[in-house]
PDB file of N, CA and C in Angstrom:
ATOM      1  N   UNK A   1       0.779  -1.241   0.254  1.00  0.00           N
ATOM      2  CA  UNK A   1      -0.170  -0.169   0.243  1.00  0.00           C
ATOM      3  C   UNK A   1       0.735   1.320   0.115  1.00  0.00           C
ATOM      4  N   UNK A   2       0.539   1.998  -0.711  1.00  0.00           N
ATOM      5  CA  UNK A   2       1.351   3.459  -1.149  1.00  0.00           C
ATOM      6  C   UNK A   2       0.532   4.240   0.029  1.00  0.00           C
ATOM      7  N   UNK A   3       1.709   5.173   0.445  1.00  0.00           N
ATOM      8  CA  UNK A   3       0.965   6.216   1.318  1.00  0.00           C
ATOM      9  C   UNK A   3       1.771   7.415   1.146  1.00  0.00           C
ATOM     10  N   UNK A   4       0.730   8.271   0.498  1.00  0.00           N
ATOM     11  CA  UNK A   4       0.650  10.038   0.375  1.00  0.00           C
ATOM     12  C   UNK A   4       1.119  10.770   1.669  1.00  0.00           C
ATOM     13  N   UNK A   5       2.438  11.229   1.258  1.00  0.00           N
ATOM     14  CA  UNK A   5       2.831  12.207   2.091  1.00  0.00           C
ATOM     15  C   UNK A   5       2.638  13.705   1.671  1.00  0.00           C
ATOM     16  N   UNK A   6       2.852  15.013   2.215  1.00  0.00           N
ATOM     17  CA  UNK A   6       2.187  16.025   1.778  1.00  0.00           C
ATOM     18  C   UNK A   6       2.695  16.702   0.576  1.00  0.00           C
ATOM     19  N   UNK A   7       4.209  16.444   0.452  1.00  0.00           N
ATOM     20  CA  UNK A   7       4.575  16.912  -1.011  1.00  0.00           C
ATOM     21  C   UNK A   7       3.641  16.293  -1.986  1.00  0.00           C
ATOM     22  N   UNK A   8       3.283  14.754  -2.130  1.00  0.00           N
ATOM     23  CA  UNK A   8       2.674  14.121  -2.541  1.00  0.00           C
ATOM     24  C   UNK A   8       1.398  14.653  -2.946  1.00  0.00           C
ATOM     25  N   UNK A   9       0.508  14.737  -1.885  1.00  0.00           N
ATOM     26  CA  UNK A   9      -0.943  15.671  -1.789  1.00  0.00           C
ATOM     27  C   UNK A   9      -0.936  17.119  -2.588  1.00  0.00           C
ATOM     28  N   UNK A  10       0.088  17.637  -2.252  1.00  0.00           N
ATOM     29  CA  UNK A  10       0.111  18.933  -3.073  1.00  0.00           C
ATOM     30  C   UNK A  10       0.307  19.039  -4.276  1.00  0.00           C
ATOM     31  N   UNK A  11       1.339  17.709  -4.825  1.00  0.00           N
ATOM     32  CA  UNK A  11       1.249  17.871  -6.225  1.00  0.00           C
ATOM     33  C   UNK A  11       0.022  17.228  -6.814  1.00  0.00           C
ATOM     34  N   UNK A  12      -0.378  16.235  -6.388  1.00  0.00           N
ATOM     35  CA  UNK A  12      -1.762  15.906  -7.101  1.00  0.00           C
ATOM     36  C   UNK A  12      -2.826  17.354  -6.948  1.00  0.00           C
ATOM     37  N   UNK A  13      -2.770  18.209  -5.618  1.00  0.00           N
ATOM     38  CA  UNK A  13      -3.635  19.200  -5.887  1.00  0.00           C
ATOM     39  C   UNK A  13      -3.400  20.254  -7.299  1.00  0.00           C
ATOM     40  N   UNK A  14      -1.853  20.452  -6.774  1.00  0.00           N
ATOM     41  CA  UNK A  14      -1.534  21.345  -8.347  1.00  0.00           C
ATOM     42  C   UNK A  14      -1.518  20.945  -9.692  1.00  0.00           C
ATOM     43  N   UNK A  15      -1.434  19.324 -10.185  1.00  0.00           N
ATOM     44  CA  UNK A  15      -1.708  18.892 -11.238  1.00  0.00           C
ATOM     45  C   UNK A  15      -3.183  19.009 -11.443  1.00  0.00           C
ATOM     46  N   UNK A  16      -4.124  18.563 -10.653  1.00  0.00           N
ATOM     47  CA  UNK A  16      -5.830  18.811 -10.459  1.00  0.00           C
ATOM     48  C   UNK A  16      -6.115  20.305 -10.921  1.00  0.00           C
ATOM     49  N   UNK A  17      -5.605  21.364 -10.307  1.00  0.00           N
ATOM     50  CA  UNK A  17      -5.686  22.166 -10.682  1.00  0.00           C
ATOM     51  C   UNK A  17      -5.451  23.116 -11.838  1.00  0.00           C
ATOM     52  N   UNK A  18      -4.284  22.557 -12.159  1.00  0.00           N
ATOM     53  CA  UNK A  18      -3.720  23.172 -13.316  1.00  0.00           C
ATOM     54  C   UNK A  18      -4.618  22.380 -14.906  1.00  0.00           C
ATOM     55  N   UNK A  19      -5.001  21.341 -14.375  1.00  0.00           N
ATOM     56  CA  UNK A  19      -5.823  20.608 -15.361  1.00  0.00           C
ATOM     57  C   UNK A  19      -6.976  21.054 -16.015  1.00  0.00           C
ATOM     58  N   UNK A  20      -7.768  21.369 -14.894  1.00  0.00           N
ATOM     59  CA  UNK A  20      -9.002  22.064 -14.712  1.00  0.00           C
ATOM     60  C   UNK A  20      -9.102  23.296 -15.170  1.00  0.00           C
ATOM     61  N   UNK A  21      -7.629  24.155 -15.024  1.00  0.00           N
ATOM     62  CA  UNK A  21      -7.471  25.605 -15.442  1.00  0.00           C
ATOM     63  C   UNK A  21      -7.202  25.800 -16.996  1.00  0.00           C
ATOM     64  N   UNK A  22      -6.797  24.236 -17.509  1.00  0.00           N
ATOM     65  CA  UNK A  22      -6.440  24.102 -19.000  1.00  0.00           C
ATOM     66  C   UNK A  22      -7.738  23.782 -19.528  1.00  0.00           C
ATOM     67  N   UNK A  23      -8.493  23.321 -18.803  1.00  0.00           N
ATOM     68  CA  UNK A  23      -9.998  22.617 -19.726  1.00  0.00           C
ATOM     69  C   UNK A  23     -11.111  24.109 -19.710  1.00  0.00           C
ATOM     70  N   UNK A  24     -10.652  24.898 -18.518  1.00  0.00           N
ATOM     71  CA  UNK A  24     -11.250  26.107 -18.525  1.00  0.00           C
ATOM     72  C   UNK A  24     -11.485  27.251 -19.366  1.00  0.00           C
ATOM     73  N   UNK A  25      -9.648  27.316 -19.397  1.00  0.00           N
ATOM     74  CA  UNK A  25      -9.099  28.300 -20.415  1.00  0.00           C
ATOM     75  C   UNK A  25      -9.531  27.600 -21.939  1.00  0.00           C
ATOM     76  N   UNK A  26      -9.769  26.637 -22.266  1.00  0.00           N
ATOM     77  CA  UNK A  26      -9.714  26.202 -23.645  1.00  0.00           C
ATOM     78  C   UNK A  26     -11.260  26.628 -23.852  1.00  0.00           C
ATOM     79  N   UNK A  27     -12.479  26.078 -22.833  1.00  0.00           N
ATOM     80  CA  UNK A  27     -13.574  26.277 -22.879  1.00  0.00           C
ATOM     81  C   UNK A  27     -13.891  27.718 -23.060  1.00  0.00           C
ATOM     82  N   UNK A  28     -13.507  28.485 -22.427  1.00  0.00           N
ATOM     83  CA  UNK A  28     -13.531  30.161 -22.727  1.00  0.00           C
ATOM     84  C   UNK A  28     -13.114  30.606 -24.080  1.00  0.00           C
ATOM     85  N   UNK A  29     -12.181  29.888 -24.335  1.00  0.00           N
ATOM     86  CA  UNK A  29     -11.502  30.426 -25.958  1.00  0.00           C
ATOM     87  C   UNK A  29     -12.691  29.933 -26.662  1.00  0.00           C
ATOM     88  N   UNK A  30     -12.924  28.784 -26.603  1.00  0.00           N
ATOM     89  CA  UNK A  30     -13.994  28.417 -27.578  1.00  0.00           C
ATOM     90  C   UNK A  30     -15.219  28.968 -27.789  1.00  0.00           C
ATOM     91  N   UNK A  31     -15.263  29.571 -26.770  1.00  0.00           N
ATOM     92  CA  UNK A  31     -16.588  30.211 -26.548  1.00  0.00           C
ATOM     93  C   UNK A  31     -16.628  32.088 -27.046  1.00  0.00           C
ATOM     94  N   UNK A  32     -15.309  32.394 -26.919  1.00  0.00           N
ATOM     95  CA  UNK A  32     -14.590  33.394 -27.586  1.00  0.00           C
ATOM     96  C   UNK A  32     -14.809  33.493 -28.790  1.00  0.00           C
ATOM     97  N   UNK A  33     -14.614  32.276 -29.566  1.00  0.00           N
ATOM     98  CA  UNK A  33     -13.951  31.948 -30.816  1.00  0.00           C
ATOM     99  C   UNK A  33     -15.545  32.073 -31.554  1.00  0.00           C
ATOM    100  N   UNK A  34     -16.437  31.000 -30.925  1.00  0.00           N
ATOM    101  CA  UNK A  34     -17.487  30.418 -31.909  1.00  0.00           C
ATOM    102  C   UNK A  34     -18.853  31.519 -31.275  1.00  0.00           C
ATOM    103  N   UNK A  35     -18.770  31.779 -30.270  1.00  0.00           N
ATOM    104  CA  UNK A  35     -20.313  32.199 -29.881  1.00  0.00           C
ATOM    105  C   UNK A  35     -20.070  33.647 -30.527  1.00  0.00           C
ATOM    106  N   UNK A  36     -19.224  34.398 -30.346  1.00  0.00           N
ATOM    107  CA  UNK A  36     -19.138  36.187 -30.960  1.00  0.00           C
ATOM    108  C   UNK A  36     -19.067  36.224 -32.221  1.00  0.00           C
ATOM    109  N   UNK A  37     -18.634  35.540 -32.989  1.00  0.00           N
ATOM    110  CA  UNK A  37     -18.340  35.422 -34.323  1.00  0.00           C
ATOM    111  C   UNK A  37     -19.020  34.332 -35.165  1.00  0.00           C
ATOM    112  N   UNK A  38     -20.265  34.002 -34.849  1.00  0.00           N
ATOM    113  CA  UNK A  38     -20.971  32.766 -35.137  1.00  0.00           C
ATOM    114  C   UNK A  38     -21.465  33.397 -36.622  1.00  0.00           C
ATOM    115  N   UNK A  39     -21.818  32.641 -37.683  1.00  0.00           N
ATOM    116  CA  UNK A  39     -22.435  33.088 -38.947  1.00  0.00           C
ATOM    117  C   UNK A  39     -23.919  33.450 -38.795  1.00  0.00           C
ATOM    118  N   UNK A  40     -24.488  32.776 -37.808  1.00  0.00           N
ATOM    119  CA  UNK A  40     -25.701  32.965 -37.251  1.00  0.00           C
ATOM    120  C   UNK A  40     -26.274  34.261 -37.219  1.00  0.00           C
ATOM    121  N   UNK A  41     -25.286  34.996 -36.180  1.00  0.00           N
ATOM    122  CA  UNK A  41     -25.482  36.046 -35.632  1.00  0.00           C
ATOM    123  C   UNK A  41     -25.370  37.196 -36.725  1.00  0.00           C
ATOM    124  N   UNK A  42     -24.231  37.066 -37.581  1.00  0.00           N
ATOM    125  CA  UNK A  42     -24.172  38.151 -38.376  1.00  0.00           C
ATOM    126  C   UNK A  42     -25.308  37.729 -39.521  1.00  0.00           C
ATOM    127  N   UNK A  43     -25.603  36.705 -39.933  1.00  0.00           N
ATOM    128  CA  UNK A  43     -27.049  36.547 -40.669  1.00  0.00           C
ATOM    129  C   UNK A  43     -28.392  37.209 -39.893  1.00  0.00           C
ATOM    130  N   UNK A  44     -28.200  37.021 -38.860  1.00  0.00           N
ATOM    131  CA  UNK A  44     -29.661  37.549 -38.354  1.00  0.00           C
ATOM    132  C   UNK A  44     -29.496  39.274 -38.068  1.00  0.00           C
ATOM    133  N   UNK A  45     -28.144  39.612 -38.203  1.00  0.00           N
ATOM    134  CA  UNK A  45     -28.337  41.437 -37.795  1.00  0.00           C
ATOM    135  C   UNK A  45     -28.394  41.537 -39.324  1.00  0.00           C
ATOM    136  N   UNK A  46     -27.879  41.284 -40.227  1.00  0.00           N
ATOM    137  CA  UNK A  46     -27.926  41.619 -41.505  1.00  0.00           C
ATOM    138  C   UNK A  46     -29.393  41.760 -41.810  1.00  0.00           C
ATOM    139  N   UNK A  47     -30.303  40.448 -41.685  1.00  0.00           N
ATOM    140  CA  UNK A  47     -31.591  40.411 -41.982  1.00  0.00           C
ATOM    141  C   UNK A  47     -32.120  41.221 -41.123  1.00  0.00           C
ATOM    142  N   UNK A  48     -32.438  41.628 -40.142  1.00  0.00           N
ATOM    143  CA  UNK A  48     -32.752  42.578 -39.122  1.00  0.00           C
ATOM    144  C   UNK A  48     -32.624  44.105 -39.568  1.00  0.00           C
ATOM    145  N   UNK A  49     -30.979  44.147 -40.118  1.00  0.00           N
ATOM    146  CA  UNK A  49     -31.165  45.686 -40.731  1.00  0.00           C
ATOM    147  C   UNK A  49     -31.835  45.788 -42.087  1.00  0.00           C
ATOM    148  N   UNK A  50     -31.875  44.915 -42.954  1.00  0.00           N
ATOM    149  CA  UNK A  50     -32.902  44.738 -44.208  1.00  0.00           C
ATOM    150  C   UNK A  50     -34.210  44.885 -43.990  1.00  0.00           C
ATOM    151  N   UNK A  51     -34.743  44.288 -42.701  1.00  0.00           N
ATOM    152  CA  UNK A  51     -35.926  44.475 -42.543  1.00  0.00           C
ATOM    153  C   UNK A  51     -36.201  46.084 -41.469  1.00  0.00           C
ATOM    154  N   UNK A  52     -35.098  46.440 -41.263  1.00  0.00           N
ATOM    155  CA  UNK A  52     -35.426  47.550 -40.300  1.00  0.00           C
ATOM    156  C   UNK A  52     -35.653  48.745 -41.908  1.00  0.00           C
ATOM    157  N   UNK A  53     -34.638  49.028 -42.584  1.00  0.00           N
ATOM    158  CA  UNK A  53     -34.656  49.501 -43.786  1.00  0.00           C
ATOM    159  C   UNK A  53     -35.764  49.478 -44.588  1.00  0.00           C
ATOM    160  N   UNK A  54     -36.553  48.107 -44.802  1.00  0.00           N
ATOM    161  CA  UNK A  54     -37.648  47.898 -45.633  1.00  0.00           C
ATOM    162  C   UNK A  54     -39.211  48.920 -44.666  1.00  0.00           C
ATOM    163  N   UNK A  55     -39.159  48.718 -43.733  1.00  0.00           N
ATOM    164  CA  UNK A  55     -40.124  49.407 -42.495  1.00  0.00           C
ATOM    165  C   UNK A  55     -39.535  50.648 -42.548  1.00  0.00           C
ATOM    166  N   UNK A  56     -38.738  51.590 -42.589  1.00  0.00           N
ATOM    167  CA  UNK A  56     -38.643  52.631 -42.585  1.00  0.00           C
ATOM    168  C   UNK A  56     -39.056  53.302 -43.866  1.00  0.00           C
ATOM    169  N   UNK A  57     -38.808  52.160 -44.933  1.00  0.00           N
ATOM    170  CA  UNK A  57     -39.226  52.561 -46.885  1.00  0.00           C
ATOM    171  C   UNK A  57     -40.712  52.640 -46.572  1.00  0.00           C
ATOM    172  N   UNK A  58     -41.437  51.846 -46.270  1.00  0.00           N
ATOM    173  CA  UNK A  58     -42.558  51.927 -46.542  1.00  0.00           C
ATOM    174  C   UNK A  58     -43.647  52.233 -44.973  1.00  0.00           C
ATOM    175  N   UNK A  59     -42.816  52.930 -43.972  1.00  0.00           N
ATOM    176  CA  UNK A  59     -43.536  53.634 -43.315  1.00  0.00           C
ATOM    177  C   UNK A  59     -44.084  52.575 -42.399  1.00  0.00           C
ATOM    178  N   UNK A  60     -43.611  51.675 -41.988  1.00  0.00           N
ATOM    179  CA  UNK A  60     -44.404  50.919 -40.987  1.00  0.00           C
ATOM    180  C   UNK A  60     -43.353  51.102 -39.965  1.00  0.00           C
ATOM    181  N   UNK A  61     -44.222  51.595 -38.477  1.00  0.00           N
ATOM    182  CA  UNK A  61     -43.763  51.922 -37.246  1.00  0.00           C
ATOM    183  C   UNK A  61     -43.392  50.436 -36.570  1.00  0.00           C
ATOM    184  N   UNK A  62     -44.209  49.794 -36.950  1.00  0.00           N
ATOM    185  CA  UNK A  62     -44.244  48.364 -35.593  1.00  0.00           C
ATOM    186  C   UNK A  62     -42.956  47.378 -36.189  1.00  0.00           C
ATOM    187  N   UNK A  63     -42.642  47.653 -37.686  1.00  0.00           N
ATOM    188  CA  UNK A  63     -41.758  47.058 -38.013  1.00  0.00           C
ATOM    189  C   UNK A  63     -40.408  47.358 -37.974  1.00  0.00           C
ATOM    190  N   UNK A  64     -40.089  48.909 -37.805  1.00  0.00           N
ATOM    191  CA  UNK A  64     -38.630  49.329 -37.231  1.00  0.00           C
ATOM    192  C   UNK A  64     -38.687  48.811 -36.210  1.00  0.00           C
ATOM    193  N   UNK A  65     -40.039  48.984 -34.897  1.00  0.00           N
ATOM    194  CA  UNK A  65     -39.749  48.703 -33.710  1.00  0.00           C
ATOM    195  C   UNK A  65     -39.314  47.384 -33.457  1.00  0.00           C
ATOM    196  N   UNK A  66     -40.235  46.548 -33.998  1.00  0.00           N
ATOM    197  CA  UNK A  66     -39.418  45.112 -34.240  1.00  0.00           C
ATOM    198  C   UNK A  66     -37.945  44.751 -34.521  1.00  0.00           C
ATOM    199  N   UNK A  67     -37.655  45.089 -35.498  1.00  0.00           N
ATOM    200  CA  UNK A  67     -36.175  45.237 -35.923  1.00  0.00           C
ATOM    201  C   UNK A  67     -35.639  45.929 -34.927  1.00  0.00           C
ATOM    202  N   UNK A  68     -35.762  46.999 -34.816  1.00  0.00           N
ATOM    203  CA  UNK A  68     -34.665  47.480 -33.512  1.00  0.00           C
ATOM    204  C   UNK A  68     -34.634  46.661 -32.453  1.00  0.00           C
ATOM    205  N   UNK A  69     -35.484  46.189 -31.990  1.00  0.00           N
ATOM    206  CA  UNK A  69     -35.631  45.164 -30.374  1.00  0.00           C
ATOM    207  C   UNK A  69     -34.850  43.942 -30.888  1.00  0.00           C
ATOM    208  N   UNK A  70     -34.872  43.698 -32.231  1.00  0.00           N
ATOM    209  CA  UNK A  70     -34.218  42.343 -32.824  1.00  0.00           C
ATOM    210  C   UNK A  70     -32.739  42.574 -32.724  1.00  0.00           C
ATOM    211  N   UNK A  71     -32.163  43.715 -33.301  1.00  0.00           N
ATOM    212  CA  UNK A  71     -30.847  44.175 -33.632  1.00  0.00           C
ATOM    213  C   UNK A  71     -30.211  44.477 -31.561  1.00  0.00           C
ATOM    214  N   UNK A  72     -31.280  44.929 -30.851  1.00  0.00           N
ATOM    215  CA  UNK A  72     -30.641  45.157 -29.598  1.00  0.00           C
ATOM    216  C   UNK A  72     -30.450  43.637 -28.887  1.00  0.00           C
ATOM    217  N   UNK A  73     -31.320  43.016 -29.399  1.00  0.00           N
ATOM    218  CA  UNK A  73     -31.345  41.703 -28.338  1.00  0.00           C
ATOM    219  C   UNK A  73     -29.941  40.779 -29.102  1.00  0.00           C
ATOM    220  N   UNK A  74     -29.808  40.735 -30.521  1.00  0.00           N
ATOM    221  CA  UNK A  74     -28.562  40.264 -30.847  1.00  0.00           C
ATOM    222  C   UNK A  74     -27.669  40.941 -30.331  1.00  0.00           C
ATOM    223  N   UNK A  75     -27.178  42.235 -29.947  1.00  0.00           N
ATOM    224  CA  UNK A  75     -26.422  42.909 -29.606  1.00  0.00           C
ATOM    225  C   UNK A  75     -26.082  42.434 -27.944  1.00  0.00           C
ATOM    226  N   UNK A  76     -27.033  42.331 -27.514  1.00  0.00           N
ATOM    227  CA  UNK A  76     -27.114  41.530 -26.218  1.00  0.00           C
ATOM    228  C   UNK A  76     -26.269  40.232 -26.135  1.00  0.00           C
ATOM    229  N   UNK A  77     -26.837  39.376 -26.622  1.00  0.00           N
ATOM    230  CA  UNK A  77     -26.242  37.962 -26.912  1.00  0.00           C
ATOM    231  C   UNK A  77     -24.961  37.988 -27.227  1.00  0.00           C
ATOM    232  N   UNK A  78     -24.419  39.100 -28.104  1.00  0.00           N
ATOM    233  CA  UNK A  78     -23.307  38.426 -28.442  1.00  0.00           C
ATOM    234  C   UNK A  78     -22.561  39.096 -27.053  1.00  0.00           C
ATOM    235  N   UNK A  79     -22.444  40.578 -26.767  1.00  0.00           N
ATOM    236  CA  UNK A  79     -21.865  40.979 -25.208  1.00  0.00           C
ATOM    237  C   UNK A  79     -21.923  40.054 -24.362  1.00  0.00           C
ATOM    238  N   UNK A  80     -23.176  38.928 -24.091  1.00  0.00           N
ATOM    239  CA  UNK A  80     -22.833  38.113 -22.814  1.00  0.00           C
ATOM    240  C   UNK A  80     -22.211  36.905 -23.357  1.00  0.00           C
ATOM    241  N   UNK A  81     -22.321  36.372 -24.450  1.00  0.00           N
ATOM    242  CA  UNK A  81     -20.798  35.372 -24.733  1.00  0.00           C
ATOM    243  C   UNK A  81     -19.730  36.022 -24.796  1.00  0.00           C
ATOM    244  N   UNK A  82     -19.558  37.154 -25.106  1.00  0.00           N
ATOM    245  CA  UNK A  82     -18.046  37.483 -25.089  1.00  0.00           C
ATOM    246  C   UNK A  82     -18.051  37.527 -23.201  1.00  0.00           C
ATOM    247  N   UNK A  83     -18.732  38.089 -22.498  1.00  0.00           N
ATOM    248  CA  UNK A  83     -18.516  38.069 -21.066  1.00  0.00           C
ATOM    249  C   UNK A  83     -18.544  36.809 -20.453  1.00  0.00           C
ATOM    250  N   UNK A  84     -19.090  36.052 -21.045  1.00  0.00           N
ATOM    251  CA  UNK A  84     -18.767  34.311 -20.839  1.00  0.00           C
ATOM    252  C   UNK A  84     -17.805  33.669 -21.003  1.00  0.00           C
ATOM    253  N   UNK A  85     -16.990  34.332 -22.343  1.00  0.00           N
ATOM    254  CA  UNK A  85     -15.976  34.004 -22.493  1.00  0.00           C
ATOM    255  C   UNK A  85     -14.788  34.044 -22.024  1.00  0.00           C
ATOM    256  N   UNK A  86     -14.640  35.592 -21.588  1.00  0.00           N
ATOM    257  CA  UNK A  86     -13.585  36.281 -20.848  1.00  0.00           C
ATOM    258  C   UNK A  86     -13.593  35.411 -19.348  1.00  0.00           C
ATOM    259  N   UNK A  87     -14.625  35.452 -18.817  1.00  0.00           N
ATOM    260  CA  UNK A  87     -14.757  34.854 -17.657  1.00  0.00           C
ATOM    261  C   UNK A  87     -14.131  33.527 -17.161  1.00  0.00           C
ATOM    262  N   UNK A  88     -14.406  32.604 -18.300  1.00  0.00           N
ATOM    263  CA  UNK A  88     -14.037  31.527 -18.306  1.00  0.00           C
ATOM    264  C   UNK A  88     -12.202  31.269 -18.719  1.00  0.00           C
ATOM    265  N   UNK A  89     -12.242  32.341 -19.622  1.00  0.00           N
ATOM    266  CA  UNK A  89     -10.543  32.300 -19.843  1.00  0.00           C
ATOM    267  C   UNK A  89      -9.755  32.746 -18.375  1.00  0.00           C
ATOM    268  N   UNK A  90     -10.308  33.917 -17.647  1.00  0.00           N
ATOM    269  CA  UNK A  90      -9.837  34.319 -17.116  1.00  0.00           C
ATOM    270  C   UNK A  90      -9.775  33.598 -15.735  1.00  0.00           C
ATOM    271  N   UNK A  91     -10.598  32.584 -15.440  1.00  0.00           N
ATOM    272  CA  UNK A  91     -10.419  31.545 -14.371  1.00  0.00           C
ATOM    273  C   UNK A  91      -9.646  30.413 -14.494  1.00  0.00           C
ATOM    274  N   UNK A  92      -9.962  29.884 -16.101  1.00  0.00           N
ATOM    275  CA  UNK A  92      -8.494  29.185 -16.195  1.00  0.00           C
ATOM    276  C   UNK A  92      -7.169  29.662 -15.880  1.00  0.00           C
ATOM    277  N   UNK A  93      -6.859  30.592 -16.246  1.00  0.00           N
ATOM    278  CA  UNK A  93      -5.987  31.094 -16.332  1.00  0.00           C
ATOM    279  C   UNK A  93      -5.294  31.337 -14.625  1.00  0.00           C
ATOM    280  N   UNK A  94      -6.404  31.766 -13.881  1.00  0.00           N
ATOM    281  CA  UNK A  94      -6.132  31.865 -12.174  1.00  0.00           C
ATOM    282  C   UNK A  94      -6.131  30.385 -11.764  1.00  0.00           C
ATOM    283  N   UNK A  95      -6.770  29.815 -12.207  1.00  0.00           N
ATOM    284  CA  UNK A  95      -6.751  28.203 -11.709  1.00  0.00           C
ATOM    285  C   UNK A  95      -5.477  27.593 -12.144  1.00  0.00           C
ATOM    286  N   UNK A  96      -4.997  27.822 -13.492  1.00  0.00           N
ATOM    287  CA  UNK A  96      -3.414  27.610 -13.767  1.00  0.00           C
ATOM    288  C   UNK A  96      -2.252  27.899 -12.784  1.00  0.00           C
ATOM    289  N   UNK A  97      -2.358  29.419 -12.472  1.00  0.00           N
ATOM    290  CA  UNK A  97      -1.496  30.074 -11.565  1.00  0.00           C
ATOM    291  C   UNK A  97      -1.688  29.410 -10.082  1.00  0.00           C
ATOM    292  N   UNK A  98      -2.735  29.160  -9.747  1.00  0.00           N
ATOM    293  CA  UNK A  98      -2.903  28.370  -8.368  1.00  0.00           C
ATOM    294  C   UNK A  98      -2.050  27.290  -8.366  1.00  0.00           C
ATOM    295  N   UNK A  99      -2.635  26.414  -9.453  1.00  0.00           N
ATOM    296  CA  UNK A  99      -1.680  25.125  -9.560  1.00  0.00           C
ATOM    297  C   UNK A  99      -0.121  25.326  -9.739  1.00  0.00           C
ATOM    298  N   UNK A 100       0.360  26.620  -9.876  1.00  0.00           N
ATOM    299  CA  UNK A 100       2.012  26.588 -10.141  1.00  0.00           C
ATOM    300  C   UNK A 100       2.281  27.017  -8.635  1.00  0.00           C
ATOM    301  N   UNK A 101       1.814  27.960  -8.216  1.00  0.00           N
ATOM    302  CA  UNK A 101       1.520  28.616  -6.885  1.00  0.00           C
ATOM    303  C   UNK A 101       1.587  27.534  -5.575  1.00  0.00           C
ATOM    304  N   UNK A 102       0.841  26.552  -6.072  1.00  0.00           N
ATOM    305  CA  UNK A 102       0.789  24.914  -4.993  1.00  0.00           C
ATOM    306  C   UNK A 102       2.001  24.303  -4.809  1.00  0.00           C
ATOM    307  N   UNK A 103       2.821  24.227  -6.596  1.00  0.00           N
ATOM    308  CA  UNK A 103       4.019  23.704  -6.615  1.00  0.00           C
ATOM    309  C   UNK A 103       5.141  24.118  -6.101  1.00  0.00           C
ATOM    310  N   UNK A 104       4.930  25.350  -5.977  1.00  0.00           N
ATOM    311  CA  UNK A 104       6.125  26.468  -5.209  1.00  0.00           C
ATOM    312  C   UNK A 104       6.545  26.185  -4.287  1.00  0.00           C
ATOM    313  N   UNK A 105       5.289  25.703  -3.108  1.00  0.00           N
ATOM    314  CA  UNK A 105       5.125  25.586  -1.901  1.00  0.00           C
ATOM    315  C   UNK A 105       5.621  24.576  -1.581  1.00  0.00           C
ATOM    316  N   UNK A 106       5.666  23.368  -2.446  1.00  0.00           N
ATOM    317  CA  UNK A 106       6.209  21.723  -1.771  1.00  0.00           C
ATOM    318  C   UNK A 106       7.701  22.376  -1.581  1.00  0.00           C
ATOM    319  N   UNK A 107       8.157  21.826  -0.576  1.00  0.00           N
ATOM    320  CA  UNK A 107       9.731  21.610   0.227  1.00  0.00           C
ATOM    321  C   UNK A 107      10.276  20.229  -0.478  1.00  0.00           C
ATOM    322  N   UNK A 108      10.711  20.195  -1.144  1.00  0.00           N
ATOM    323  CA  UNK A 108      11.177  18.878  -1.937  1.00  0.00           C
ATOM    324  C   UNK A 108      12.255  18.077  -1.062  1.00  0.00           C
ATOM    325  N   UNK A 109      12.543  18.236  -0.090  1.00  0.00           N
ATOM    326  CA  UNK A 109      13.789  17.575   0.638  1.00  0.00           C
ATOM    327  C   UNK A 109      12.881  16.525   1.716  1.00  0.00           C
TER     328      UNK A 109
END
C-alpha cells in the first residue's frame, strides 16, 4: 500500500488545478471564438437591418420597432457570450496560476 505524504498530496492538488485550469481556458477560448463571431449572428443582424430599412421605406412603425428590438437582442447576446468567454478564460488562467503556486510551496527535501 502506498502512503501519500504532504508533498505528494500537494503535487496531486496542483496537477488537478492545472488540468482544470487548462480545460476552463480552452472552453473560454472556444466560447470567444465560436459564439461571438458565428455566421448565424451575422446573418440575423444583416436580415434585421434589411427589415428595418424596408420598414422605414414603407413607413411601417411596428416593423421598425420590432427590427430595432431584434438588433438590440442580438447585440445583448454577443455581449453576454463575450462576457462568459472572458470570465472562463480568466478563471482558467487563475486556476493554472494557483496550481503553479501550489507547486512552488512544496518542499522537495
